[in-house]
Amino acid sequence: MTRDLVIERLKARESCALRLRRGITVSRRGDHDLNSDDMRHPGPLTSAAVLVPLVDRDGGMTVLLTQRTAHLHDHAGQISFPGGRVEPEDKDAEAAALREAFEEVGLAPERVEPLGRLDDYETRTGFLVVPVVGIVKPPFELKPDPFEVADIFEVPLAFFLDKANRRLESRMFKGRERQFYVWPYEERYIWGATASMLVNLSEVLAD
């Protein structure tokens, strides 16, 4: 998967999404994709954004991911994209995603070329997340926030474009079975909202 092809597929997706918005209400992605609607958060949703960083390496594109520290209140120890709440000073979701990536992992905004958005993702914990895809241009230096980020690593983009690498698993949650996507990569276990966004990314780029 080349940089030009990534740009082409994302532009095609943006064009299609714009046509849909003009004609119908576009549904949000979320836990309810694989489970019943009553697993949705009952109250107002907090706006958030994440950066889906595609690193343009000579040997092929990679996806940059973080592992959250174990002491955090939300999603402790999970693998995620850099991101967080959209603050009042953020111009838009792109600005929020770039700001959060700089704060969390020290990724300088000027090293990122935002390309487009994936589908909005609604979490059962009450966030409406906009995933912003951007190409990261090496070289770059990272400085993780030790409070939030335990590790930073990269996975070949090709891994996520192969459907054979993802699984559908389930767990009991509050007395009910909950299904979710999983991408097992080496010793990593990528699941939850991040895994679903990676499924969305693979669908867009493989189309």
C-alpha atoms as a PDB file:
ATOM      1  CA  MET A   1       0.000   0.000   0.000  1.00  0.00           C
ATOM      2  CA  THR A   2       1.622   3.239  -1.199  1.00  0.00           C
ATOM      3  CA  ARG A   3       1.108   6.785   0.027  1.00  0.00           C
ATOM      4  CA  ASP A   4      -0.609   7.768  -3.246  1.00  0.00           C
ATOM      5  CA  LEU A   5      -3.018   4.832  -3.032  1.00  0.00           C
ATOM      6  CA  VAL A   6      -3.880   5.649   0.574  1.00  0.00           C
ATOM      7  CA  ILE A   7      -4.665   9.239  -0.465  1.00  0.00           C
ATOM      8  CA  GLU A   8      -6.757   8.038  -3.428  1.00  0.00           C
ATOM      9  CA  ARG A   9      -8.839   5.650  -1.297  1.00  0.00           C
ATOM     10  CA  LEU A  10      -9.429   8.208   1.456  1.00  0.00           C
ATOM     11  CA  LYS A  11     -10.463  10.885  -1.053  1.00  0.00           C
ATOM     12  CA  ALA A  12     -12.912   8.438  -2.627  1.00  0.00           C
ATOM     13  CA  ARG A  13     -14.303   7.643   0.814  1.00  0.00           C
ATOM     14  CA  GLU A  14     -14.688  11.354   1.658  1.00  0.00           C
ATOM     15  CA  SER A  15     -16.546  11.965  -1.595  1.00  0.00           C
ATOM     16  CA  CYS A  16     -18.907   9.062  -0.914  1.00  0.00           C
ATOM     17  CA  ALA A  17     -19.478  10.197   2.693  1.00  0.00           C
ATOM     18  CA  LEU A  18     -20.327  13.722   1.510  1.00  0.00           C
ATOM     19  CA  ARG A  19     -22.947  12.385  -0.906  1.00  0.00           C
ATOM     20  CA  LEU A  20     -24.465  10.281   1.872  1.00  0.00           C
ATOM     21  CA  ARG A  21     -24.630  13.231   4.269  1.00  0.00           C
ATOM     22  CA  ARG A  22     -26.548  15.253   1.656  1.00  0.00           C
ATOM     23  CA  GLY A  23     -29.146  12.534   1.192  1.00  0.00           C
ATOM     24  CA  ILE A  24     -29.543  10.580   4.440  1.00  0.00           C
ATOM     25  CA  THR A  25     -28.383  10.494   8.033  1.00  0.00           C
ATOM     26  CA  VAL A  26     -25.185   8.486   8.245  1.00  0.00           C
ATOM     27  CA  SER A  27     -25.195   6.000  11.117  1.00  0.00           C
ATOM     28  CA  ARG A  28     -22.367   6.006  13.629  1.00  0.00           C
ATOM     29  CA  ARG A  29     -20.152   3.053  14.258  1.00  0.00           C
ATOM     30  CA  GLY A  30     -19.800   1.645  17.750  1.00  0.00           C
ATOM     31  CA  ASP A  31     -20.297  -1.353  20.015  1.00  0.00           C
ATOM     32  CA  HIS A  32     -23.842  -1.552  18.694  1.00  0.00           C
ATOM     33  CA  ASP A  33     -22.465  -2.694  15.313  1.00  0.00           C
ATOM     34  CA  LEU A  34     -21.888  -6.145  16.775  1.00  0.00           C
ATOM     35  CA  ASN A  35     -24.286  -5.963  19.720  1.00  0.00           C
ATOM     36  CA  SER A  36     -27.751  -4.666  20.502  1.00  0.00           C
ATOM     37  CA  ASP A  37     -28.575  -0.951  20.571  1.00  0.00           C
ATOM     38  CA  ASP A  38     -29.232  -1.025  24.319  1.00  0.00           C
ATOM     39  CA  MET A  39     -25.449  -1.252  24.842  1.00  0.00           C
ATOM     40  CA  ARG A  40     -25.156   2.358  23.689  1.00  0.00           C
ATOM     41  CA  HIS A  41     -24.376   5.100  26.184  1.00  0.00           C
ATOM     42  CA  PRO A  42     -27.704   6.497  27.431  1.00  0.00           C
ATOM     43  CA  GLY A  43     -26.663  10.120  27.942  1.00  0.00           C
ATOM     44  CA  PRO A  44     -25.084  12.938  25.900  1.00  0.00           C
ATOM     45  CA  LEU A  45     -21.826  12.059  24.158  1.00  0.00           C
ATOM     46  CA  THR A  46     -18.553  13.942  24.642  1.00  0.00           C
ATOM     47  CA  SER A  47     -16.778  14.956  21.425  1.00  0.00           C
ATOM     48  CA  ALA A  48     -13.342  13.402  20.982  1.00  0.00           C
ATOM     49  CA  ALA A  49     -10.807  12.807  18.221  1.00  0.00           C
ATOM     50  CA  VAL A  50      -7.949  10.397  17.628  1.00  0.00           C
ATOM     51  CA  LEU A  51      -5.111  10.468  15.144  1.00  0.00           C
ATOM     52  CA  VAL A  52      -4.715   7.331  13.024  1.00  0.00           C
ATOM     53  CA  PRO A  53      -1.021   7.788  12.156  1.00  0.00           C
ATOM     54  CA  LEU A  54       0.240   6.032   9.016  1.00  0.00           C
ATOM     55  CA  VAL A  55       4.030   6.216   9.022  1.00  0.00           C
ATOM     56  CA  ASP A  56       5.508   6.394   5.516  1.00  0.00           C
ATOM     57  CA  ARG A  57       8.491   4.063   5.985  1.00  0.00           C
ATOM     58  CA  ASP A  58      10.789   3.006   3.114  1.00  0.00           C
ATOM     59  CA  GLY A  59       9.929  -0.638   3.759  1.00  0.00           C
ATOM     60  CA  GLY A  60       6.185   0.000   3.694  1.00  0.00           C
ATOM     61  CA  MET A  61       3.604   1.948   5.652  1.00  0.00           C
ATOM     62  CA  THR A  62       3.054   1.247   9.328  1.00  0.00           C
ATOM     63  CA  VAL A  63       0.387   2.205  11.865  1.00  0.00           C
ATOM     64  CA  LEU A  64       1.633   3.943  15.013  1.00  0.00           C
ATOM     65  CA  LEU A  65      -0.138   2.863  18.205  1.00  0.00           C
ATOM     66  CA  THR A  66       0.229   3.462  21.929  1.00  0.00           C
ATOM     67  CA  GLN A  67      -0.281   1.332  25.001  1.00  0.00           C
ATOM     68  CA  ARG A  68      -1.931   3.210  27.854  1.00  0.00           C
ATOM     69  CA  THR A  69      -0.498   3.098  31.345  1.00  0.00           C
ATOM     70  CA  ALA A  70      -2.022   0.667  33.826  1.00  0.00           C
ATOM     71  CA  HIS A  71      -3.147   3.263  36.381  1.00  0.00           C
ATOM     72  CA  LEU A  72      -5.476   5.289  34.138  1.00  0.00           C
ATOM     73  CA  HIS A  73      -9.160   5.433  35.046  1.00  0.00           C
ATOM     74  CA  ASP A  74     -10.402   4.794  31.483  1.00  0.00           C
ATOM     75  CA  HIS A  75      -9.104   1.951  29.264  1.00  0.00           C
ATOM     76  CA  ALA A  76      -6.059   1.278  31.436  1.00  0.00           C
ATOM     77  CA  GLY A  77      -3.400  -0.802  29.714  1.00  0.00           C
ATOM     78  CA  GLN A  78      -5.279  -0.917  26.420  1.00  0.00           C
ATOM     79  CA  ILE A  79      -3.803  -0.234  23.000  1.00  0.00           C
ATOM     80  CA  SER A  80      -5.106   2.932  21.390  1.00  0.00           C
ATOM     81  CA  PHE A  81      -4.498   5.754  18.965  1.00  0.00           C
ATOM     82  CA  PRO A  82      -3.256   9.046  20.397  1.00  0.00           C
ATOM     83  CA  GLY A  83      -6.247  11.246  21.061  1.00  0.00           C
ATOM     84  CA  GLY A  84      -8.715  12.665  23.544  1.00  0.00           C
ATOM     85  CA  ARG A  85     -11.476  15.201  24.087  1.00  0.00           C
ATOM     86  CA  VAL A  86     -12.096  18.029  21.638  1.00  0.00           C
ATOM     87  CA  GLU A  87     -11.408  21.174  23.656  1.00  0.00           C
ATOM     88  CA  PRO A  88     -13.079  24.583  23.096  1.00  0.00           C
ATOM     89  CA  GLU A  89      -9.838  26.014  21.673  1.00  0.00           C
ATOM     90  CA  ASP A  90      -9.616  23.286  18.997  1.00  0.00           C
ATOM     91  CA  LYS A  91     -10.708  24.514  15.565  1.00  0.00           C
ATOM     92  CA  ASP A  92     -11.978  21.076  14.557  1.00  0.00           C
ATOM     93  CA  ALA A  93     -11.402  17.346  15.057  1.00  0.00           C
ATOM     94  CA  GLU A  94      -8.191  17.487  13.004  1.00  0.00           C
ATOM     95  CA  ALA A  95      -6.761  20.170  15.279  1.00  0.00           C
ATOM     96  CA  ALA A  96      -7.757  18.180  18.371  1.00  0.00           C
ATOM     97  CA  ALA A  97      -6.183  14.976  17.045  1.00  0.00           C
ATOM     98  CA  LEU A  98      -2.902  16.726  16.211  1.00  0.00           C
ATOM     99  CA  ARG A  99      -2.811  18.497  19.581  1.00  0.00           C
ATOM    100  CA  GLU A 100      -3.469  15.284  21.495  1.00  0.00           C
ATOM    101  CA  ALA A 101      -0.830  13.384  19.498  1.00  0.00           C
ATOM    102  CA  PHE A 102       1.722  16.055  20.384  1.00  0.00           C
ATOM    103  CA  GLU A 103       0.738  16.026  24.058  1.00  0.00           C
ATOM    104  CA  GLU A 104       0.655  12.240  24.383  1.00  0.00           C
ATOM    105  CA  VAL A 105       3.592  11.081  22.280  1.00  0.00           C
ATOM    106  CA  GLY A 106       5.428  14.272  21.270  1.00  0.00           C
ATOM    107  CA  LEU A 107       4.589  13.892  17.569  1.00  0.00           C
ATOM    108  CA  ALA A 108       5.130  17.326  16.007  1.00  0.00           C
ATOM    109  CA  PRO A 109       2.070  18.485  13.990  1.00  0.00           C
ATOM    110  CA  GLU A 110       4.273  19.591  11.088  1.00  0.00           C
ATOM    111  CA  ARG A 111       5.322  15.943  10.569  1.00  0.00           C
ATOM    112  CA  VAL A 112       1.699  14.925   9.973  1.00  0.00           C
ATOM    113  CA  GLU A 113      -0.311  15.346   6.775  1.00  0.00           C
ATOM    114  CA  PRO A 114      -4.028  14.926   7.624  1.00  0.00           C
ATOM    115  CA  LEU A 115      -5.779  13.075   4.806  1.00  0.00           C
ATOM    116  CA  GLY A 116      -9.360  12.498   5.896  1.00  0.00           C
ATOM    117  CA  ARG A 117     -11.662  10.899   8.420  1.00  0.00           C
ATOM    118  CA  LEU A 118     -12.982   7.426   9.073  1.00  0.00           C
ATOM    119  CA  ASP A 119     -16.520   6.867  10.356  1.00  0.00           C
ATOM    120  CA  ASP A 120     -17.419   8.514  13.659  1.00  0.00           C
ATOM    121  CA  TYR A 121     -17.249   5.987  16.488  1.00  0.00           C
ATOM    122  CA  GLU A 122     -19.587   5.990  19.482  1.00  0.00           C
ATOM    123  CA  THR A 123     -18.172   4.367  22.618  1.00  0.00           C
ATOM    124  CA  ARG A 124     -20.261   2.847  25.379  1.00  0.00           C
ATOM    125  CA  THR A 125     -18.270   5.011  27.827  1.00  0.00           C
ATOM    126  CA  GLY A 126     -19.887   8.152  26.384  1.00  0.00           C
ATOM    127  CA  PHE A 127     -17.556   9.514  23.702  1.00  0.00           C
ATOM    128  CA  LEU A 128     -18.228  10.315  20.053  1.00  0.00           C
ATOM    129  CA  VAL A 129     -14.814   9.863  18.446  1.00  0.00           C
ATOM    130  CA  VAL A 130     -13.689  11.230  15.083  1.00  0.00           C
ATOM    131  CA  PRO A 131     -10.766   9.158  13.729  1.00  0.00           C
ATOM    132  CA  VAL A 132      -8.485  11.434  11.664  1.00  0.00           C
ATOM    133  CA  VAL A 133      -6.116   9.624   9.297  1.00  0.00           C
ATOM    134  CA  GLY A 134      -2.757  11.284   8.710  1.00  0.00           C
ATOM    135  CA  ILE A 135       0.498  10.331   7.053  1.00  0.00           C
ATOM    136  CA  VAL A 136       3.531  10.790   9.276  1.00  0.00           C
ATOM    137  CA  LYS A 137       6.718  11.793   7.479  1.00  0.00           C
ATOM    138  CA  PRO A 138       9.990  10.430   8.932  1.00  0.00           C
ATOM    139  CA  PRO A 139      12.270  11.368  10.479  1.00  0.00           C
ATOM    140  CA  PHE A 140      10.496  12.337  13.675  1.00  0.00           C
ATOM    141  CA  GLU A 141      11.148  12.141  17.391  1.00  0.00           C
ATOM    142  CA  LEU A 142       8.668  10.926  19.982  1.00  0.00           C
ATOM    143  CA  LYS A 143       8.458  11.822  23.655  1.00  0.00           C
ATOM    144  CA  PRO A 144       5.665   9.895  25.382  1.00  0.00           C
ATOM    145  CA  ASP A 145       3.794  11.401  28.305  1.00  0.00           C
ATOM    146  CA  PRO A 146       4.802   9.007  31.121  1.00  0.00           C
ATOM    147  CA  PHE A 147       1.461   9.488  32.902  1.00  0.00           C
ATOM    148  CA  GLU A 148      -0.640   8.325  29.947  1.00  0.00           C
ATOM    149  CA  VAL A 149       1.602   6.280  27.648  1.00  0.00           C
ATOM    150  CA  ALA A 150       3.438   3.104  28.656  1.00  0.00           C
ATOM    151  CA  ASP A 151       4.699   2.229  25.177  1.00  0.00           C
ATOM    152  CA  ILE A 152       4.680   3.338  21.530  1.00  0.00           C
ATOM    153  CA  PHE A 153       5.026   0.843  18.689  1.00  0.00           C
ATOM    154  CA  GLU A 154       4.343   0.379  14.977  1.00  0.00           C
ATOM    155  CA  VAL A 155       2.521  -2.387  13.110  1.00  0.00           C
ATOM    156  CA  PRO A 156       2.815  -2.888   9.327  1.00  0.00           C
ATOM    157  CA  LEU A 157      -0.274  -1.498   7.596  1.00  0.00           C
ATOM    158  CA  ALA A 158      -0.349  -4.685   5.497  1.00  0.00           C
ATOM    159  CA  PHE A 159      -1.178  -6.638   8.665  1.00  0.00           C
ATOM    160  CA  PHE A 160      -4.469  -4.766   9.064  1.00  0.00           C
ATOM    161  CA  LEU A 161      -5.358  -5.081   5.379  1.00  0.00           C
ATOM    162  CA  ASP A 162      -5.448  -8.881   5.715  1.00  0.00           C
ATOM    163  CA  LYS A 163      -8.837 -10.014   7.072  1.00  0.00           C
ATOM    164  CA  ALA A 164      -7.275 -13.279   8.216  1.00  0.00           C
ATOM    165  CA  ASN A 165      -5.461 -11.365  10.967  1.00  0.00           C
ATOM    166  CA  ARG A 166      -8.604 -10.219  12.765  1.00  0.00           C
ATOM    167  CA  ARG A 167     -10.925 -12.211  14.980  1.00  0.00           C
ATOM    168  CA  LEU A 168     -14.370 -11.800  16.444  1.00  0.00           C
ATOM    169  CA  GLU A 169     -14.426 -12.618  20.154  1.00  0.00           C
ATOM    170  CA  SER A 170     -16.892 -12.239  23.009  1.00  0.00           C
ATOM    171  CA  ARG A 171     -16.980 -11.708  26.766  1.00  0.00           C
ATOM    172  CA  MET A 172     -19.658 -11.478  29.397  1.00  0.00           C
ATOM    173  CA  PHE A 173     -20.394  -7.845  30.283  1.00  0.00           C
ATOM    174  CA  LYS A 174     -22.914  -7.056  33.013  1.00  0.00           C
ATOM    175  CA  GLY A 175     -24.469 -10.469  32.607  1.00  0.00           C
ATOM    176  CA  ARG A 176     -24.678 -10.317  28.811  1.00  0.00           C
ATOM    177  CA  GLU A 177     -22.454 -11.502  26.004  1.00  0.00           C
ATOM    178  CA  ARG A 178     -20.619  -8.690  24.225  1.00  0.00           C
ATOM    179  CA  GLN A 179     -18.901  -9.252  20.872  1.00  0.00           C
ATOM    180  CA  PHE A 180     -15.892  -7.268  19.671  1.00  0.00           C
ATOM    181  CA  TYR A 181     -13.059  -7.308  17.143  1.00  0.00           C
ATOM    182  CA  VAL A 182      -9.522  -8.348  18.038  1.00  0.00           C
ATOM    183  CA  TRP A 183      -6.235  -7.975  16.151  1.00  0.00           C
ATOM    184  CA  PRO A 184      -3.609 -10.168  17.885  1.00  0.00           C
ATOM    185  CA  TYR A 185      -0.159  -8.930  16.840  1.00  0.00           C
ATOM    186  CA  GLU A 186       2.914 -10.637  18.291  1.00  0.00           C
ATOM    187  CA  GLU A 187       2.511 -10.179  22.068  1.00  0.00           C
ATOM    188  CA  ARG A 188      -0.053  -7.372  21.613  1.00  0.00           C
ATOM    189  CA  TYR A 189      -3.821  -7.703  21.959  1.00  0.00           C
ATOM    190  CA  ILE A 190      -5.615  -4.919  20.090  1.00  0.00           C
ATOM    191  CA  TRP A 191      -9.342  -4.827  20.820  1.00  0.00           C
ATOM    192  CA  GLY A 192     -12.291  -2.555  21.548  1.00  0.00           C
ATOM    193  CA  ALA A 193     -12.822   0.769  19.791  1.00  0.00           C
ATOM    194  CA  THR A 194      -9.280   0.822  18.395  1.00  0.00           C
ATOM    195  CA  ALA A 195      -9.737  -2.593  16.806  1.00  0.00           C
ATOM    196  CA  SER A 196     -13.049  -1.513  15.265  1.00  0.00           C
ATOM    197  CA  MET A 197     -11.495   1.659  13.848  1.00  0.00           C
ATOM    198  CA  LEU A 198      -8.754  -0.494  12.310  1.00  0.00           C
ATOM    199  CA  VAL A 199     -11.456  -2.648  10.706  1.00  0.00           C
ATOM    200  CA  ASN A 200     -12.973   0.546   9.273  1.00  0.00           C
ATOM    201  CA  LEU A 201      -9.523   1.649   8.026  1.00  0.00           C
ATOM    202  CA  SER A 202      -8.945  -1.722   6.353  1.00  0.00           C
ATOM    203  CA  GLU A 203     -12.347  -1.510   4.637  1.00  0.00           C
ATOM    204  CA  VAL A 204     -11.656   1.972   3.290  1.00  0.00           C
ATOM    205  CA  LEU A 205      -8.153   1.173   2.019  1.00  0.00           C
ATOM    206  CA  ALA A 206      -9.070  -2.204   0.571  1.00  0.00           C
ATOM    207  CA  ASP A 207     -12.070  -0.853  -1.353  1.00  0.00           C
END
